Amino acid sequence: MARLRPPDWLVYGGLLFFVLVGSLTHRENADAPPAPPLPDEIEGALLGPITPFDPSVTVTTPDLPFVPSAGTAFSIAGQGRWLTARHVVEGCRRPALVVGGGRAVSADVRLAPRADIALLITAGGPPALPVTTTGPLRIGQRAFHPGYPQGKPGEVTSRLLGREVLKVRGRGARDEPVLAWAEVGRTEGLEGTLAGLSGSPALDRQGRAVGITIAEAPRRGLIYTTAPDTLGPAIRGEQRADEPVLGEPVTVDNYGRVADDLRRDLRVAQVVCLSA
């Protein structure tokens, strides 16, 4: 009985199939990893360096006796180093950080000579917030400001507009480079002034402090923070490279919760001036 012979095309087709399967199985995999998420759709060009053409805003500080005020501070080193705005504690004989339960911890103060920055020193403190003064800033990027506006827990979010020069006239006269941010959101129910938010960190989306909140222009809807040019020198050597820091990604959906966590852990605290 004759044996049936498969057609030539079937034999060669089968061989070709096995060759293709073998080559694909042993192919080198050099695929690139998934692309990172797109930046915020409103973010624009990188923020440039200071120039003589930066717009300016003038502030006059009256030469009056010190009036006690409250503000915000945040931890930058676990051994008891905090940052706040200079005008919050300048002239205060007994600045202190509120730690809850009607208690406050006294702090020593070092004032930056040419910027609205003050370093508070206590005997120990909570974990630090990471601070960055070298990362790139982009027009339109978000910042989140957790603190104590009007002396109560609250927070604001903003968008970076650019650089300005704060021209302070009167007591503490100086020309200080600052960053201008447009307020785009705040704690529900928070109306009016943001007084008390001075000294709060301006956090980027990685949870890093890129500046200190120092002023507002309510009619223009603007918030001003320190610029990296002044913040960097003011904190040099205070946050060590091996400092354990706690940062958390921040978004428009979770910034209220993140702010609450920071205040609860005292990484963001209220600053007051105790009576003598």
C-alpha atoms as a PDB file:
ATOM      1  CA  MET A   1       0.000   0.000   0.000  1.00  0.00           C
ATOM      2  CA  ALA A   2       1.477   3.337  -1.034  1.00  0.00           C
ATOM      3  CA  ARG A   3       2.253   5.909   1.690  1.00  0.00           C
ATOM      4  CA  LEU A   4       0.801   9.357   1.213  1.00  0.00           C
ATOM      5  CA  ARG A   5       3.423  12.083   0.951  1.00  0.00           C
ATOM      6  CA  PRO A   6       2.467  15.553   2.257  1.00  0.00           C
ATOM      7  CA  PRO A   7       2.697  18.343  -0.267  1.00  0.00           C
ATOM      8  CA  ASP A   8       6.004  20.246  -0.436  1.00  0.00           C
ATOM      9  CA  TRP A   9       4.348  23.533   0.489  1.00  0.00           C
ATOM     10  CA  LEU A  10       3.064  22.031   3.738  1.00  0.00           C
ATOM     11  CA  VAL A  11       6.520  20.730   4.690  1.00  0.00           C
ATOM     12  CA  TYR A  12       8.287  24.005   3.966  1.00  0.00           C
ATOM     13  CA  GLY A  13       5.512  26.026   5.611  1.00  0.00           C
ATOM     14  CA  GLY A  14       5.831  23.982   8.807  1.00  0.00           C
ATOM     15  CA  LEU A  15       9.590  24.438   8.910  1.00  0.00           C
ATOM     16  CA  LEU A  16       9.210  28.181   8.407  1.00  0.00           C
ATOM     17  CA  PHE A  17       6.682  28.336  11.254  1.00  0.00           C
ATOM     18  CA  PHE A  18       9.046  26.644  13.718  1.00  0.00           C
ATOM     19  CA  VAL A  19      11.937  28.887  12.652  1.00  0.00           C
ATOM     20  CA  LEU A  20       9.826  32.016  13.288  1.00  0.00           C
ATOM     21  CA  VAL A  21       8.652  30.758  16.678  1.00  0.00           C
ATOM     22  CA  GLY A  22      12.230  29.998  17.713  1.00  0.00           C
ATOM     23  CA  SER A  23      13.556  33.374  16.637  1.00  0.00           C
ATOM     24  CA  LEU A  24      10.790  35.317  18.413  1.00  0.00           C
ATOM     25  CA  THR A  25      11.217  33.306  21.603  1.00  0.00           C
ATOM     26  CA  HIS A  26      14.937  34.140  21.859  1.00  0.00           C
ATOM     27  CA  ARG A  27      14.689  37.747  20.675  1.00  0.00           C
ATOM     28  CA  GLU A  28      16.403  40.355  22.856  1.00  0.00           C
ATOM     29  CA  ASN A  29      13.899  42.501  24.786  1.00  0.00           C
ATOM     30  CA  ALA A  30      15.109  46.082  24.710  1.00  0.00           C
ATOM     31  CA  ASP A  31      11.745  47.791  25.123  1.00  0.00           C
ATOM     32  CA  ALA A  32      11.789  51.126  26.940  1.00  0.00           C
ATOM     33  CA  PRO A  33       9.868  51.402  30.238  1.00  0.00           C
ATOM     34  CA  PRO A  34       6.469  53.135  30.210  1.00  0.00           C
ATOM     35  CA  ALA A  35       6.655  56.871  29.702  1.00  0.00           C
ATOM     36  CA  PRO A  36       6.288  58.989  32.852  1.00  0.00           C
ATOM     37  CA  PRO A  37       2.980  60.775  33.410  1.00  0.00           C
ATOM     38  CA  LEU A  38       2.567  63.958  31.443  1.00  0.00           C
ATOM     39  CA  PRO A  39       3.265  67.150  33.397  1.00  0.00           C
ATOM     40  CA  ASP A  40       0.349  69.224  34.523  1.00  0.00           C
ATOM     41  CA  GLU A  41      -1.334  70.531  31.392  1.00  0.00           C
ATOM     42  CA  ILE A  42      -0.997  74.132  32.575  1.00  0.00           C
ATOM     43  CA  GLU A  43       2.726  73.964  33.337  1.00  0.00           C
ATOM     44  CA  GLY A  44       4.834  75.967  30.952  1.00  0.00           C
ATOM     45  CA  ALA A  45       8.415  77.068  30.439  1.00  0.00           C
ATOM     46  CA  LEU A  46      11.143  76.785  33.043  1.00  0.00           C
ATOM     47  CA  LEU A  47      11.385  79.757  35.388  1.00  0.00           C
ATOM     48  CA  GLY A  48      14.420  81.807  34.432  1.00  0.00           C
ATOM     49  CA  PRO A  49      17.010  83.448  36.696  1.00  0.00           C
ATOM     50  CA  ILE A  50      16.663  86.832  38.389  1.00  0.00           C
ATOM     51  CA  THR A  51      16.896  89.739  35.957  1.00  0.00           C
ATOM     52  CA  PRO A  52      16.790  93.548  36.343  1.00  0.00           C
ATOM     53  CA  PHE A  53      13.504  93.490  34.420  1.00  0.00           C
ATOM     54  CA  ASP A  54      11.517  91.448  36.948  1.00  0.00           C
ATOM     55  CA  PRO A  55       8.334  93.297  38.003  1.00  0.00           C
ATOM     56  CA  SER A  56       8.317  94.724  41.512  1.00  0.00           C
ATOM     57  CA  VAL A  57       5.845  95.338  44.307  1.00  0.00           C
ATOM     58  CA  THR A  58       6.473  97.857  47.108  1.00  0.00           C
ATOM     59  CA  VAL A  59       5.586  97.229  50.730  1.00  0.00           C
ATOM     60  CA  THR A  60       5.920  99.883  53.424  1.00  0.00           C
ATOM     61  CA  THR A  61       6.434  98.678  56.978  1.00  0.00           C
ATOM     62  CA  PRO A  62       5.469 101.339  59.554  1.00  0.00           C
ATOM     63  CA  ASP A  63       7.995 102.058  62.265  1.00  0.00           C
ATOM     64  CA  LEU A  64       5.633 101.097  65.091  1.00  0.00           C
ATOM     65  CA  PRO A  65       6.038  99.002  68.251  1.00  0.00           C
ATOM     66  CA  PHE A  66       5.858  95.248  67.706  1.00  0.00           C
ATOM     67  CA  VAL A  67       2.318  93.867  67.651  1.00  0.00           C
ATOM     68  CA  PRO A  68       2.117  90.158  68.543  1.00  0.00           C
ATOM     69  CA  SER A  69       0.897  88.013  65.686  1.00  0.00           C
ATOM     70  CA  ALA A  70       0.526  84.333  64.873  1.00  0.00           C
ATOM     71  CA  GLY A  71       1.942  82.464  61.921  1.00  0.00           C
ATOM     72  CA  THR A  72       3.088  79.066  60.744  1.00  0.00           C
ATOM     73  CA  ALA A  73       6.395  77.190  60.854  1.00  0.00           C
ATOM     74  CA  PHE A  74       7.610  73.856  59.517  1.00  0.00           C
ATOM     75  CA  SER A  75      10.304  71.425  60.600  1.00  0.00           C
ATOM     76  CA  ILE A  76      13.457  71.095  58.502  1.00  0.00           C
ATOM     77  CA  ALA A  77      15.552  69.018  60.935  1.00  0.00           C
ATOM     78  CA  GLY A  78      14.608  66.516  63.606  1.00  0.00           C
ATOM     79  CA  GLN A  79      17.013  68.037  66.137  1.00  0.00           C
ATOM     80  CA  GLY A  80      14.738  71.077  66.391  1.00  0.00           C
ATOM     81  CA  ARG A  81      15.122  73.383  63.392  1.00  0.00           C
ATOM     82  CA  TRP A  82      12.105  75.174  61.944  1.00  0.00           C
ATOM     83  CA  LEU A  83      11.490  77.782  59.271  1.00  0.00           C
ATOM     84  CA  THR A  84       8.978  80.604  59.357  1.00  0.00           C
ATOM     85  CA  ALA A  85       8.619  84.108  57.955  1.00  0.00           C
ATOM     86  CA  ARG A  86      10.836  86.703  59.566  1.00  0.00           C
ATOM     87  CA  HIS A  87       8.025  89.230  60.059  1.00  0.00           C
ATOM     88  CA  VAL A  88       6.077  86.702  62.170  1.00  0.00           C
ATOM     89  CA  VAL A  89       8.688  86.679  64.958  1.00  0.00           C
ATOM     90  CA  GLU A  90      10.764  89.803  64.419  1.00  0.00           C
ATOM     91  CA  GLY A  91      10.554  91.874  67.593  1.00  0.00           C
ATOM     92  CA  CYS A  92       8.935  89.071  69.597  1.00  0.00           C
ATOM     93  CA  ARG A  93      10.715  88.409  72.904  1.00  0.00           C
ATOM     94  CA  ARG A  94       9.250  84.933  73.441  1.00  0.00           C
ATOM     95  CA  PRO A  95       8.296  83.166  70.199  1.00  0.00           C
ATOM     96  CA  ALA A  96       6.901  79.686  70.674  1.00  0.00           C
ATOM     97  CA  LEU A  97       5.507  76.739  68.746  1.00  0.00           C
ATOM     98  CA  VAL A  98       2.079  75.438  69.722  1.00  0.00           C
ATOM     99  CA  VAL A  99       2.221  71.679  70.358  1.00  0.00           C
ATOM    100  CA  GLY A 100      -1.384  71.100  71.406  1.00  0.00           C
ATOM    101  CA  GLY A 101      -3.231  70.711  74.663  1.00  0.00           C
ATOM    102  CA  GLY A 102      -2.804  74.388  75.458  1.00  0.00           C
ATOM    103  CA  ARG A 103       0.973  73.949  75.493  1.00  0.00           C
ATOM    104  CA  ALA A 104       3.697  75.778  73.579  1.00  0.00           C
ATOM    105  CA  VAL A 105       7.462  75.275  73.283  1.00  0.00           C
ATOM    106  CA  SER A 106       9.720  78.329  73.402  1.00  0.00           C
ATOM    107  CA  ALA A 107      12.128  78.809  70.515  1.00  0.00           C
ATOM    108  CA  ASP A 108      15.309  80.757  69.883  1.00  0.00           C
ATOM    109  CA  VAL A 109      15.399  82.825  66.710  1.00  0.00           C
ATOM    110  CA  ARG A 110      17.924  83.553  63.977  1.00  0.00           C
ATOM    111  CA  LEU A 111      16.816  86.144  61.451  1.00  0.00           C
ATOM    112  CA  ALA A 112      18.024  86.119  57.854  1.00  0.00           C
ATOM    113  CA  PRO A 113      19.596  89.541  57.193  1.00  0.00           C
ATOM    114  CA  ARG A 114      18.186  90.203  53.702  1.00  0.00           C
ATOM    115  CA  ALA A 115      15.106  87.999  53.403  1.00  0.00           C
ATOM    116  CA  ASP A 116      11.780  87.390  55.114  1.00  0.00           C
ATOM    117  CA  ILE A 117      13.100  84.165  56.657  1.00  0.00           C
ATOM    118  CA  ALA A 118      13.627  83.144  60.275  1.00  0.00           C
ATOM    119  CA  LEU A 119      15.134  79.979  61.703  1.00  0.00           C
ATOM    120  CA  LEU A 120      13.550  78.773  64.946  1.00  0.00           C
ATOM    121  CA  ILE A 121      15.537  76.498  67.258  1.00  0.00           C
ATOM    122  CA  THR A 122      14.009  74.148  69.833  1.00  0.00           C
ATOM    123  CA  ALA A 123      15.299  71.246  71.909  1.00  0.00           C
ATOM    124  CA  GLY A 124      14.320  68.481  69.537  1.00  0.00           C
ATOM    125  CA  GLY A 125      11.487  68.274  67.080  1.00  0.00           C
ATOM    126  CA  PRO A 126       9.451  66.126  64.682  1.00  0.00           C
ATOM    127  CA  PRO A 127      10.722  64.603  61.423  1.00  0.00           C
ATOM    128  CA  ALA A 128      11.729  67.108  58.788  1.00  0.00           C
ATOM    129  CA  LEU A 129      10.021  68.126  55.594  1.00  0.00           C
ATOM    130  CA  PRO A 130      12.346  67.907  52.589  1.00  0.00           C
ATOM    131  CA  VAL A 131      13.472  71.281  51.246  1.00  0.00           C
ATOM    132  CA  THR A 132      14.712  71.831  47.707  1.00  0.00           C
ATOM    133  CA  THR A 133      16.312  74.998  46.381  1.00  0.00           C
ATOM    134  CA  THR A 134      17.948  73.556  43.266  1.00  0.00           C
ATOM    135  CA  GLY A 135      15.118  71.791  41.447  1.00  0.00           C
ATOM    136  CA  PRO A 136      13.702  73.417  38.298  1.00  0.00           C
ATOM    137  CA  LEU A 137      10.547  75.511  38.638  1.00  0.00           C
ATOM    138  CA  ARG A 138       8.010  75.815  35.832  1.00  0.00           C
ATOM    139  CA  ILE A 139       5.517  78.549  35.112  1.00  0.00           C
ATOM    140  CA  GLY A 140       2.083  77.234  36.038  1.00  0.00           C
ATOM    141  CA  GLN A 141       3.258  74.511  38.411  1.00  0.00           C
ATOM    142  CA  ARG A 142       1.241  73.957  41.563  1.00  0.00           C
ATOM    143  CA  ALA A 143       2.138  74.695  45.156  1.00  0.00           C
ATOM    144  CA  PHE A 144       0.295  73.705  48.308  1.00  0.00           C
ATOM    145  CA  HIS A 145       0.426  75.878  51.435  1.00  0.00           C
ATOM    146  CA  PRO A 146      -0.599  74.077  54.668  1.00  0.00           C
ATOM    147  CA  GLY A 147      -0.763  76.169  57.813  1.00  0.00           C
ATOM    148  CA  TYR A 148      -2.921  78.256  60.110  1.00  0.00           C
ATOM    149  CA  PRO A 149      -4.696  81.021  58.153  1.00  0.00           C
ATOM    150  CA  GLN A 150      -6.646  83.266  60.528  1.00  0.00           C
ATOM    151  CA  GLY A 151      -5.181  81.192  63.374  1.00  0.00           C
ATOM    152  CA  LYS A 152      -7.086  78.047  62.337  1.00  0.00           C
ATOM    153  CA  PRO A 153      -6.026  74.923  60.414  1.00  0.00           C
ATOM    154  CA  GLY A 154      -6.333  75.523  56.687  1.00  0.00           C
ATOM    155  CA  GLU A 155      -4.562  75.269  53.365  1.00  0.00           C
ATOM    156  CA  VAL A 156      -4.341  76.922  49.956  1.00  0.00           C
ATOM    157  CA  THR A 157      -3.209  75.801  46.527  1.00  0.00           C
ATOM    158  CA  SER A 158      -1.681  78.085  43.907  1.00  0.00           C
ATOM    159  CA  ARG A 159      -0.037  78.286  40.483  1.00  0.00           C
ATOM    160  CA  LEU A 160       3.381  79.820  39.805  1.00  0.00           C
ATOM    161  CA  LEU A 161       3.233  83.049  37.790  1.00  0.00           C
ATOM    162  CA  GLY A 162       6.879  84.111  37.880  1.00  0.00           C
ATOM    163  CA  ARG A 163       9.439  86.207  39.696  1.00  0.00           C
ATOM    164  CA  GLU A 164       8.929  89.596  41.287  1.00  0.00           C
ATOM    165  CA  VAL A 165      10.985  91.873  43.514  1.00  0.00           C
ATOM    166  CA  LEU A 166       9.538  92.752  46.908  1.00  0.00           C
ATOM    167  CA  LYS A 167      10.667  96.289  47.710  1.00  0.00           C
ATOM    168  CA  VAL A 168      10.339  96.706  51.475  1.00  0.00           C
ATOM    169  CA  ARG A 169      10.452 100.307  52.649  1.00  0.00           C
ATOM    170  CA  GLY A 170      10.614 101.480  56.252  1.00  0.00           C
ATOM    171  CA  ARG A 171      11.784  99.135  58.992  1.00  0.00           C
ATOM    172  CA  GLY A 172      13.919  96.341  57.548  1.00  0.00           C
ATOM    173  CA  ALA A 173      14.201  98.051  54.140  1.00  0.00           C
ATOM    174  CA  ARG A 174      15.453  95.732  51.410  1.00  0.00           C
ATOM    175  CA  ASP A 175      14.848  94.516  47.879  1.00  0.00           C
ATOM    176  CA  GLU A 176      14.035  90.807  48.026  1.00  0.00           C
ATOM    177  CA  PRO A 177      13.482  88.460  45.063  1.00  0.00           C
ATOM    178  CA  VAL A 178      10.269  86.477  45.539  1.00  0.00           C
ATOM    179  CA  LEU A 179       8.022  84.109  43.632  1.00  0.00           C
ATOM    180  CA  ALA A 180       4.469  85.176  42.774  1.00  0.00           C
ATOM    181  CA  TRP A 181       1.702  82.561  42.795  1.00  0.00           C
ATOM    182  CA  ALA A 182      -1.954  82.858  41.781  1.00  0.00           C
ATOM    183  CA  GLU A 183      -4.320  81.411  44.374  1.00  0.00           C
ATOM    184  CA  VAL A 184      -6.563  78.792  42.744  1.00  0.00           C
ATOM    185  CA  GLY A 185      -8.098  76.969  45.723  1.00  0.00           C
ATOM    186  CA  ARG A 186      -8.423  76.944  49.491  1.00  0.00           C
ATOM    187  CA  THR A 187     -10.045  75.149  52.396  1.00  0.00           C
ATOM    188  CA  GLU A 188     -13.810  75.050  52.018  1.00  0.00           C
ATOM    189  CA  GLY A 189     -15.382  77.765  54.140  1.00  0.00           C
ATOM    190  CA  LEU A 190     -12.173  79.808  54.462  1.00  0.00           C
ATOM    191  CA  GLU A 191     -13.049  83.359  53.474  1.00  0.00           C
ATOM    192  CA  GLY A 192     -11.080  86.587  53.506  1.00  0.00           C
ATOM    193  CA  THR A 193      -7.501  87.127  54.556  1.00  0.00           C
ATOM    194  CA  LEU A 194      -4.810  84.462  54.741  1.00  0.00           C
ATOM    195  CA  ALA A 195      -3.116  86.160  57.708  1.00  0.00           C
ATOM    196  CA  GLY A 196      -1.540  83.450  59.829  1.00  0.00           C
ATOM    197  CA  LEU A 197      -0.421  81.439  56.789  1.00  0.00           C
ATOM    198  CA  SER A 198       2.869  83.377  56.742  1.00  0.00           C
ATOM    199  CA  GLY A 199       5.738  80.990  57.370  1.00  0.00           C
ATOM    200  CA  SER A 200       3.996  77.960  55.885  1.00  0.00           C
ATOM    201  CA  PRO A 201       5.861  75.779  53.368  1.00  0.00           C
ATOM    202  CA  ALA A 202       5.037  76.002  49.690  1.00  0.00           C
ATOM    203  CA  LEU A 203       5.053  72.317  48.759  1.00  0.00           C
ATOM    204  CA  ASP A 204       5.511  70.967  45.254  1.00  0.00           C
ATOM    205  CA  ARG A 205       3.787  67.824  43.998  1.00  0.00           C
ATOM    206  CA  GLN A 206       6.550  65.652  45.518  1.00  0.00           C
ATOM    207  CA  GLY A 207       5.862  67.114  48.960  1.00  0.00           C
ATOM    208  CA  ARG A 208       9.071  69.175  49.018  1.00  0.00           C
ATOM    209  CA  ALA A 209       9.192  72.738  50.333  1.00  0.00           C
ATOM    210  CA  VAL A 210      10.264  75.048  47.493  1.00  0.00           C
ATOM    211  CA  GLY A 211       9.655  78.259  49.422  1.00  0.00           C
ATOM    212  CA  ILE A 212       8.195  79.944  52.500  1.00  0.00           C
ATOM    213  CA  THR A 213       4.860  81.761  52.265  1.00  0.00           C
ATOM    214  CA  ILE A 214       5.496  85.377  53.241  1.00  0.00           C
ATOM    215  CA  ALA A 215       2.740  87.669  51.918  1.00  0.00           C
ATOM    216  CA  GLU A 216      -0.508  87.968  50.011  1.00  0.00           C
ATOM    217  CA  ALA A 217      -2.099  90.538  47.708  1.00  0.00           C
ATOM    218  CA  PRO A 218      -5.819  89.821  48.178  1.00  0.00           C
ATOM    219  CA  ARG A 219      -7.088  92.177  45.492  1.00  0.00           C
ATOM    220  CA  ARG A 220      -4.801  90.580  42.927  1.00  0.00           C
ATOM    221  CA  GLY A 221      -5.374  87.055  44.208  1.00  0.00           C
ATOM    222  CA  LEU A 222      -1.625  86.566  44.676  1.00  0.00           C
ATOM    223  CA  ILE A 223       0.527  84.766  47.212  1.00  0.00           C
ATOM    224  CA  TYR A 224       4.231  85.515  47.580  1.00  0.00           C
ATOM    225  CA  THR A 225       6.899  83.063  48.705  1.00  0.00           C
ATOM    226  CA  THR A 226      10.631  83.248  49.170  1.00  0.00           C
ATOM    227  CA  ALA A 227      12.742  82.468  46.118  1.00  0.00           C
ATOM    228  CA  PRO A 228      15.414  79.738  45.995  1.00  0.00           C
ATOM    229  CA  ASP A 229      18.019  82.489  45.750  1.00  0.00           C
ATOM    230  CA  THR A 230      17.360  83.573  49.354  1.00  0.00           C
ATOM    231  CA  LEU A 231      16.084  80.318  50.855  1.00  0.00           C
ATOM    232  CA  GLY A 232      19.184  78.315  49.946  1.00  0.00           C
ATOM    233  CA  PRO A 233      21.708  80.507  51.795  1.00  0.00           C
ATOM    234  CA  ALA A 234      19.387  80.895  54.795  1.00  0.00           C
ATOM    235  CA  ILE A 235      19.204  77.156  55.500  1.00  0.00           C
ATOM    236  CA  ARG A 236      22.682  76.097  54.414  1.00  0.00           C
ATOM    237  CA  GLY A 237      23.982  73.449  56.789  1.00  0.00           C
ATOM    238  CA  GLU A 238      20.719  73.161  58.735  1.00  0.00           C
ATOM    239  CA  GLN A 239      19.284  70.170  56.838  1.00  0.00           C
ATOM    240  CA  ARG A 240      21.981  67.530  56.566  1.00  0.00           C
ATOM    241  CA  ALA A 241      22.286  65.228  53.574  1.00  0.00           C
ATOM    242  CA  ASP A 242      21.536  62.228  55.825  1.00  0.00           C
ATOM    243  CA  GLU A 243      18.563  63.940  57.494  1.00  0.00           C
ATOM    244  CA  PRO A 244      15.564  61.562  57.519  1.00  0.00           C
ATOM    245  CA  VAL A 245      12.886  63.562  55.725  1.00  0.00           C
ATOM    246  CA  LEU A 246       9.249  62.744  55.101  1.00  0.00           C
ATOM    247  CA  GLY A 247       7.657  63.887  51.882  1.00  0.00           C
ATOM    248  CA  GLU A 248       4.402  62.681  50.325  1.00  0.00           C
ATOM    249  CA  PRO A 249       3.074  63.259  46.798  1.00  0.00           C
ATOM    250  CA  VAL A 250       0.464  66.011  46.911  1.00  0.00           C
ATOM    251  CA  THR A 251      -2.437  66.507  44.504  1.00  0.00           C
ATOM    252  CA  VAL A 252      -5.533  68.672  44.302  1.00  0.00           C
ATOM    253  CA  ASP A 253      -7.491  65.651  45.547  1.00  0.00           C
ATOM    254  CA  ASN A 254      -5.458  64.926  48.686  1.00  0.00           C
ATOM    255  CA  TYR A 255      -3.824  68.191  49.740  1.00  0.00           C
ATOM    256  CA  GLY A 256      -6.348  68.731  52.532  1.00  0.00           C
ATOM    257  CA  ARG A 257      -5.574  65.323  54.020  1.00  0.00           C
ATOM    258  CA  VAL A 258      -1.811  65.797  53.580  1.00  0.00           C
ATOM    259  CA  ALA A 259      -2.045  69.166  55.342  1.00  0.00           C
ATOM    260  CA  ASP A 260      -3.976  67.605  58.213  1.00  0.00           C
ATOM    261  CA  ASP A 261      -1.318  64.889  58.566  1.00  0.00           C
ATOM    262  CA  LEU A 262       1.477  67.467  58.623  1.00  0.00           C
ATOM    263  CA  ARG A 263      -0.229  69.493  61.336  1.00  0.00           C
ATOM    264  CA  ARG A 264      -1.084  66.379  63.354  1.00  0.00           C
ATOM    265  CA  ASP A 265       2.565  65.250  63.245  1.00  0.00           C
ATOM    266  CA  LEU A 266       3.690  68.819  64.111  1.00  0.00           C
ATOM    267  CA  ARG A 267       5.845  68.964  61.002  1.00  0.00           C
ATOM    268  CA  VAL A 268       3.738  72.074  60.366  1.00  0.00           C
ATOM    269  CA  ALA A 269       2.972  74.003  63.555  1.00  0.00           C
ATOM    270  CA  GLN A 270       1.515  77.316  64.656  1.00  0.00           C
ATOM    271  CA  VAL A 271       3.874  80.061  65.808  1.00  0.00           C
ATOM    272  CA  VAL A 272       2.779  82.498  68.521  1.00  0.00           C
ATOM    273  CA  CYS A 273       4.376  85.249  70.538  1.00  0.00           C
ATOM    274  CA  LEU A 274       4.052  84.608  74.284  1.00  0.00           C
ATOM    275  CA  SER A 275       3.506  87.513  76.618  1.00  0.00           C
ATOM    276  CA  ALA A 276       6.582  88.452  78.628  1.00  0.00           C
END
